[in-house]
Structure formats: C-alpha cells, structure tokens
Amino acid sequence: MDGCIQCNTTNCLACSSGYFYNAANFSCLLCSNIMPNCSTCSSISQCTQCNNGSIINPSNNSQCYACSSMPGCLTCTDVGVCSSCAAGFYLNTNTSQCVACAVQFNKCLLCTEAANCTQCISGFTFVNSSFCVSCNSSVANCAQCTDLAVCTQCSPTYTLAQNSTNVC
C-alpha cells in the first residue's frame, strides 16, 4: 500500500511523511493528491508544509497558495506578495509584484530592476545601457550585432562584406 510504514496483516496503521492517514479505511492518502502543492498534511483539509514555490495560505483553511499564480513570481512571502522573480522579470519593490522586462523596456529580454535592462532580445542591442535598439537601425540589413556599429550576422540573403563588421 502506497505510503504505509506500519501495518498489521490486513490494515495500514501509520503513513510516511507526505501522506495523511485515513482511519476510516486504514489507507494513506498522498497530501499533494488531496491539496494542490501540499507536501505534508495533518488532515484532508489542513496542509502543514507546501512544495517549493508555494506558501501556506492561512485565510484558506491552511491550503497552499502557488506563488506562480502571480505572473513571473518564483517565491512569495504572503498571498499577493512576491519576493523573487523569474528571468525576464524584475521585482517592483513598491507593489511586491514581478514586472516583465519587455513591459518596462521595449525589446528587453533580461533586467535587474526598473532602470536597468541587461540583455536585449535577438536582433537588438543596447544604447545608453538601458535602451534596446534594432541592429538594422545602424547597419542596414543587420540581423545580429554586439553594438550598433558591429554587425555579427546579416539578414537572410545578405552577407557581411569582407573585412567589415558594419556592411551587409
């Protein structure tokens, strides 16, 4: 019987961690099957420990609240209060919410805070450390660049001119 750690000849008498002992039918119920994101429970409606990325929600019969229900949130300290964000998001400390880098900065892939884009999407490069500008804006037909004057790959049907990084 799954989760049973002590039994007699016919019934389970105790369950391992992560299971709830159901005395009505002498069985073990996996906490995560009873309550989403719950790793340890003391009853069918009382979670005592949540999986990583979730917290116990005291206002909801101690069920787990998935931090990922907030866009871009990896960890949270309370319902609606994010404490760390996934790549491509930054934590707005005023609202405790994750904001997509692309929302704050046009064409930004990664950022560390509201004022600092650290990586642009493909085909764009930095100008003034925080603005992403198309590689094509400085070198015609440039698809990839390391900065506005250095093209590393041209658009399809174009090739870099020999001994040049700024002519496609």
Protein backbone atom coordinates (compact mmCIF):
# COMPACT_ATOMS: atom_id res chain seq x y z
CA MET A 1 0.00 0.00 0.00
CA ASP A 2 1.47 3.37 -1.05
CA GLY A 3 2.77 5.47 1.83
CA CYS A 4 2.13 2.88 4.54
CA ILE A 5 5.02 2.42 7.00
CA GLN A 6 3.29 0.29 9.63
CA CYS A 7 0.62 -2.32 9.10
CA ASN A 8 -0.86 -5.50 10.53
CA THR A 9 -1.97 -8.41 8.41
CA THR A 10 -4.96 -6.59 6.91
CA ASN A 11 -4.72 -2.85 7.53
CA CYS A 12 -2.34 0.08 7.37
CA LEU A 13 -1.76 1.64 10.79
CA ALA A 14 0.64 4.53 10.00
CA CYS A 15 1.76 6.53 6.98
CA SER A 16 5.06 8.05 5.89
CA SER A 17 5.66 11.78 5.68
CA GLY A 18 3.72 13.39 2.85
CA TYR A 19 0.73 11.12 3.42
CA PHE A 20 -2.39 11.51 5.55
CA TYR A 21 -3.65 8.50 7.49
CA ASN A 22 -7.30 7.87 6.68
CA ALA A 23 -8.59 5.89 9.69
CA ALA A 24 -11.98 5.31 8.05
CA ASN A 25 -10.50 2.84 5.58
CA PHE A 26 -6.99 2.33 7.00
CA SER A 27 -5.31 3.89 3.98
CA CYS A 28 -2.70 6.53 3.23
CA LEU A 29 -3.64 9.50 1.05
CA LEU A 30 -0.89 11.45 -0.70
CA CYS A 31 -1.15 15.07 0.52
CA SER A 32 -0.40 16.50 -2.93
CA ASN A 33 -3.34 14.50 -4.36
CA ILE A 34 -5.69 15.90 -1.71
CA MET A 35 -4.50 19.52 -1.87
CA PRO A 36 -2.51 21.02 -4.77
CA ASN A 37 1.11 21.99 -3.91
CA CYS A 38 0.92 20.40 -0.43
CA SER A 39 3.87 18.23 0.62
CA THR A 40 2.82 17.42 4.23
CA CYS A 41 -0.66 17.47 5.74
CA SER A 42 -2.32 16.74 9.08
CA SER A 43 -5.84 16.25 7.68
CA ILE A 44 -7.62 16.22 4.35
CA SER A 45 -8.06 20.00 4.60
CA GLN A 46 -5.01 21.09 6.64
CA CYS A 47 -1.66 21.43 4.88
CA THR A 48 1.32 21.81 7.22
CA GLN A 49 4.03 22.24 4.57
CA CYS A 50 3.84 23.33 0.94
CA ASN A 51 6.04 22.43 -2.03
CA ASN A 52 8.79 24.87 -3.02
CA GLY A 53 7.33 27.94 -4.70
CA SER A 54 4.17 27.78 -2.58
CA ILE A 55 3.19 29.12 0.83
CA ILE A 56 0.54 28.19 3.36
CA ASN A 57 -2.49 30.42 2.95
CA PRO A 58 -3.92 30.90 6.47
CA SER A 59 -7.09 32.51 5.14
CA ASN A 60 -7.97 29.40 3.11
CA ASN A 61 -8.03 26.52 5.64
CA SER A 62 -4.23 26.32 5.52
CA GLN A 63 -4.19 25.23 1.90
CA CYS A 64 -1.23 26.10 -0.32
CA TYR A 65 -1.01 29.19 -2.48
CA ALA A 66 1.22 28.82 -5.56
CA CYS A 67 3.48 31.86 -5.94
CA SER A 68 3.46 31.17 -9.69
CA SER A 69 -0.18 32.27 -9.77
CA MET A 70 1.31 35.78 -9.87
CA PRO A 71 2.96 36.41 -13.29
CA GLY A 72 6.73 35.87 -13.15
CA CYS A 73 6.81 35.13 -9.40
CA LEU A 74 9.12 32.37 -8.12
CA THR A 75 8.81 32.84 -4.35
CA CYS A 76 6.43 34.80 -2.18
CA THR A 77 6.05 35.71 1.48
CA ASP A 78 2.27 36.08 1.51
CA VAL A 79 -0.67 35.86 -0.85
CA GLY A 80 -0.09 38.55 -3.49
CA VAL A 81 3.38 39.46 -2.14
CA CYS A 82 6.19 38.25 -4.37
CA SER A 83 9.78 38.12 -3.06
CA SER A 84 11.71 36.90 -6.14
CA CYS A 85 11.04 36.82 -9.86
CA ALA A 86 11.84 34.57 -12.80
CA ALA A 87 14.30 35.54 -15.53
CA GLY A 88 12.75 38.16 -17.78
CA PHE A 89 11.04 39.88 -14.82
CA TYR A 90 12.11 42.28 -12.08
CA LEU A 91 10.60 42.81 -8.64
CA ASN A 92 8.79 46.11 -8.21
CA THR A 93 9.53 46.80 -4.54
CA ASN A 94 6.64 49.27 -4.25
CA THR A 95 3.99 46.74 -5.29
CA SER A 96 5.80 43.44 -4.46
CA GLN A 97 4.86 42.24 -7.94
CA CYS A 98 7.00 41.00 -10.82
CA VAL A 99 7.04 43.14 -13.94
CA ALA A 100 8.09 41.77 -17.33
CA CYS A 101 11.30 43.40 -18.57
CA ALA A 102 9.70 43.79 -22.01
CA VAL A 103 6.90 45.85 -20.41
CA GLN A 104 9.35 48.26 -18.75
CA PHE A 105 11.83 48.38 -21.66
CA ASN A 106 10.92 47.92 -25.30
CA LYS A 107 12.65 44.78 -26.67
CA CYS A 108 14.36 43.95 -23.34
CA LEU A 109 14.85 40.26 -22.52
CA LEU A 110 16.51 40.45 -19.07
CA CYS A 111 16.62 43.21 -16.49
CA THR A 112 17.67 43.63 -12.87
CA GLU A 113 15.38 46.45 -11.84
CA ALA A 114 13.11 49.11 -13.28
CA ALA A 115 16.07 51.17 -14.52
CA ASN A 116 18.47 48.50 -15.80
CA CYS A 117 17.96 46.31 -18.86
CA THR A 118 20.81 43.76 -19.02
CA GLN A 119 20.02 41.91 -22.27
CA CYS A 120 18.02 42.77 -25.36
CA ILE A 121 16.02 40.32 -27.45
CA SER A 122 17.68 38.84 -30.52
CA GLY A 123 18.34 41.41 -33.25
CA PHE A 124 18.62 44.32 -30.80
CA THR A 125 21.50 45.87 -28.85
CA PHE A 126 21.99 48.39 -26.06
CA VAL A 127 22.19 52.14 -26.40
CA ASN A 128 22.96 54.12 -23.23
CA SER A 129 22.93 50.88 -21.14
CA SER A 130 19.17 50.62 -20.92
CA PHE A 131 17.56 51.10 -24.33
CA CYS A 132 17.33 48.33 -26.89
CA VAL A 133 17.69 49.41 -30.49
CA SER A 134 17.41 47.32 -33.66
CA CYS A 135 20.74 46.19 -35.15
CA ASN A 136 19.24 47.16 -38.51
CA SER A 137 18.96 50.82 -37.42
CA SER A 138 22.71 51.42 -37.73
CA VAL A 139 23.83 48.74 -40.19
CA ALA A 140 21.33 48.13 -43.00
CA ASN A 141 20.15 44.50 -43.20
CA CYS A 142 21.92 43.53 -39.96
CA ALA A 143 20.12 40.75 -38.02
CA GLN A 144 22.51 40.31 -35.03
CA CYS A 145 25.01 42.72 -33.52
CA THR A 146 27.17 43.24 -30.44
CA ASP A 147 26.67 47.00 -30.58
CA LEU A 148 25.28 49.41 -33.16
CA ALA A 149 28.50 49.55 -35.17
CA VAL A 150 29.39 45.82 -35.04
CA CYS A 151 27.16 43.51 -37.05
CA THR A 152 27.77 39.79 -36.45
CA GLN A 153 25.08 38.35 -38.74
CA CYS A 154 23.20 39.79 -41.70
CA SER A 155 19.57 39.27 -42.61
CA PRO A 156 18.77 36.33 -44.91
CA THR A 157 20.11 36.77 -48.48
CA TYR A 158 22.80 39.20 -47.17
CA THR A 159 26.36 38.51 -46.02
CA LEU A 160 28.88 40.62 -44.19
CA ALA A 161 31.21 42.46 -46.54
CA GLN A 162 34.72 41.02 -46.43
CA ASN A 163 36.86 42.53 -43.63
CA SER A 164 33.90 44.54 -42.37
CA THR A 165 31.54 44.43 -39.41
CA ASN A 166 29.32 47.28 -40.49
CA VAL A 167 28.29 46.48 -44.08
CA CYS A 168 25.85 43.75 -45.11
